[in-house]
């Protein structure tokens, strides 16, 4: 149980730290968040828990293919905000666009044999 709490606190500290950094240094926070920190932490935790490098490799491959649809979110969100759409509406619409694009991407990806 202590191990799970430690993982949670460390992972939360990275996210909170990045958001706090963003209050003063947006570009540096963006750079930090552009790094695959959550992915790296997830792979470290997965390996620490299972000692299964093959499973980590499978997770890494899945992350690679699923990053592509998420990039659309980061284009739609700022565009909507710059158009004067409110923050929460922009977040919601961007999330819906992400899900719709992901579903289409997954359908095409499965036909192409991608590991989705």
Protein backbone atom coordinates (compact mmCIF):
# COMPACT_ATOMS: atom_id res chain seq x y z
CA UNK A 1 0.00 0.00 0.00
CA UNK A 2 2.85 2.39 0.83
CA UNK A 3 4.32 1.69 -2.61
CA UNK A 4 1.07 2.72 -4.34
CA UNK A 5 0.91 5.90 -2.27
CA UNK A 6 4.53 6.73 -3.16
CA UNK A 7 3.82 6.19 -6.87
CA UNK A 8 0.74 8.39 -6.66
CA UNK A 9 2.51 11.19 -4.79
CA UNK A 10 5.50 11.21 -7.15
CA UNK A 11 3.31 11.17 -10.26
CA UNK A 12 1.04 13.91 -8.88
CA UNK A 13 4.08 16.00 -7.92
CA UNK A 14 5.29 15.98 -11.53
CA UNK A 15 1.91 17.18 -12.82
CA UNK A 16 1.40 19.79 -10.10
CA UNK A 17 4.99 20.97 -10.50
CA UNK A 18 4.53 21.44 -14.23
CA UNK A 19 1.28 23.37 -13.77
CA UNK A 20 2.89 25.61 -11.15
CA UNK A 21 5.86 26.19 -13.44
CA UNK A 22 3.41 27.18 -16.16
CA UNK A 23 2.20 30.11 -14.07
CA UNK A 24 5.57 31.83 -14.48
CA UNK A 25 7.32 30.17 -17.42
CA UNK A 26 4.81 28.92 -19.96
CA UNK A 27 7.39 27.88 -22.54
CA UNK A 28 9.48 25.94 -20.03
CA UNK A 29 6.36 24.25 -18.65
CA UNK A 30 5.29 23.35 -22.19
CA UNK A 31 8.72 21.87 -22.84
CA UNK A 32 8.56 19.87 -19.64
CA UNK A 33 5.06 18.62 -20.44
CA UNK A 34 6.01 17.82 -24.03
CA UNK A 35 8.42 15.29 -22.60
CA UNK A 36 6.69 11.97 -22.16
CA UNK A 37 6.90 12.19 -18.35
CA UNK A 38 3.68 10.36 -17.62
CA UNK A 39 4.61 7.70 -20.16
CA UNK A 40 8.08 7.33 -18.67
CA UNK A 41 6.65 7.07 -15.17
CA UNK A 42 4.05 4.54 -16.30
CA UNK A 43 6.74 2.42 -17.97
CA UNK A 44 8.95 2.61 -14.89
CA UNK A 45 6.05 1.64 -12.61
CA UNK A 46 5.01 -1.17 -14.96
CA UNK A 47 8.52 -2.60 -15.07
CA UNK A 48 9.01 -2.18 -11.31
CA UNK A 49 5.74 -4.02 -10.70
CA UNK A 50 6.09 -6.81 -13.27
CA UNK A 51 9.79 -7.02 -14.29
CA UNK A 52 8.37 -7.67 -17.77
CA UNK A 53 10.37 -5.70 -20.34
CA UNK A 54 8.28 -7.12 -23.19
CA UNK A 55 5.17 -5.65 -21.62
CA UNK A 56 6.92 -2.27 -21.32
CA UNK A 57 7.89 -2.49 -24.99
CA UNK A 58 4.27 -3.24 -25.91
CA UNK A 59 3.10 -0.27 -23.85
CA UNK A 60 5.69 1.97 -25.52
CA UNK A 61 4.56 0.88 -28.99
CA UNK A 62 0.93 1.51 -28.08
CA UNK A 63 1.79 4.97 -26.78
CA UNK A 64 3.60 5.79 -30.02
CA UNK A 65 0.60 4.94 -32.18
CA UNK A 66 -1.89 6.65 -29.87
CA UNK A 67 0.06 9.91 -29.61
CA UNK A 68 -0.86 10.73 -33.20
CA UNK A 69 -4.60 11.23 -32.55
CA UNK A 70 -3.90 13.28 -29.42
CA UNK A 71 -1.94 15.85 -31.41
CA UNK A 72 -5.19 17.04 -32.99
CA UNK A 73 -6.43 18.01 -29.52
CA UNK A 74 -3.47 20.38 -29.13
CA UNK A 75 -4.33 22.06 -32.42
CA UNK A 76 -8.09 22.37 -31.90
CA UNK A 77 -7.96 23.66 -28.30
CA UNK A 78 -5.84 26.77 -28.88
CA UNK A 79 -7.62 27.51 -32.16
CA UNK A 80 -11.01 27.50 -30.42
CA UNK A 81 -9.75 29.67 -27.59
CA UNK A 82 -8.27 32.16 -30.08
CA UNK A 83 -11.67 32.25 -31.81
CA UNK A 84 -13.19 33.47 -28.53
CA UNK A 85 -14.77 30.20 -27.45
CA UNK A 86 -14.76 29.80 -23.66
CA UNK A 87 -12.18 27.58 -22.01
CA UNK A 88 -14.50 24.80 -20.83
CA UNK A 89 -16.41 24.67 -24.10
CA UNK A 90 -13.08 24.58 -25.98
CA UNK A 91 -11.88 21.73 -23.76
CA UNK A 92 -15.11 19.81 -24.31
CA UNK A 93 -15.18 20.29 -28.07
CA UNK A 94 -11.48 19.41 -28.32
CA UNK A 95 -12.08 16.25 -26.31
CA UNK A 96 -15.00 15.25 -28.54
CA UNK A 97 -12.89 15.89 -31.64
CA UNK A 98 -10.15 13.75 -30.09
CA UNK A 99 -12.53 10.85 -29.41
CA UNK A 100 -14.12 11.01 -32.87
CA UNK A 101 -10.73 11.19 -34.56
CA UNK A 102 -9.42 8.37 -32.37
CA UNK A 103 -12.34 6.09 -33.26
CA UNK A 104 -11.75 6.66 -36.97
CA UNK A 105 -8.00 6.29 -36.50
CA UNK A 106 -8.47 3.03 -34.58
CA UNK A 107 -10.78 1.61 -37.24
CA UNK A 108 -8.31 2.42 -40.00
CA UNK A 109 -5.36 1.33 -37.88
CA UNK A 110 -6.86 -2.08 -37.19
CA UNK A 111 -7.36 -2.63 -40.91
CA UNK A 112 -3.70 -1.72 -41.44
CA UNK A 113 -2.60 -4.05 -38.64
CA UNK A 114 -1.43 -1.35 -36.22
CA UNK A 115 -1.25 -2.46 -32.57
CA UNK A 116 -4.15 -0.35 -31.24
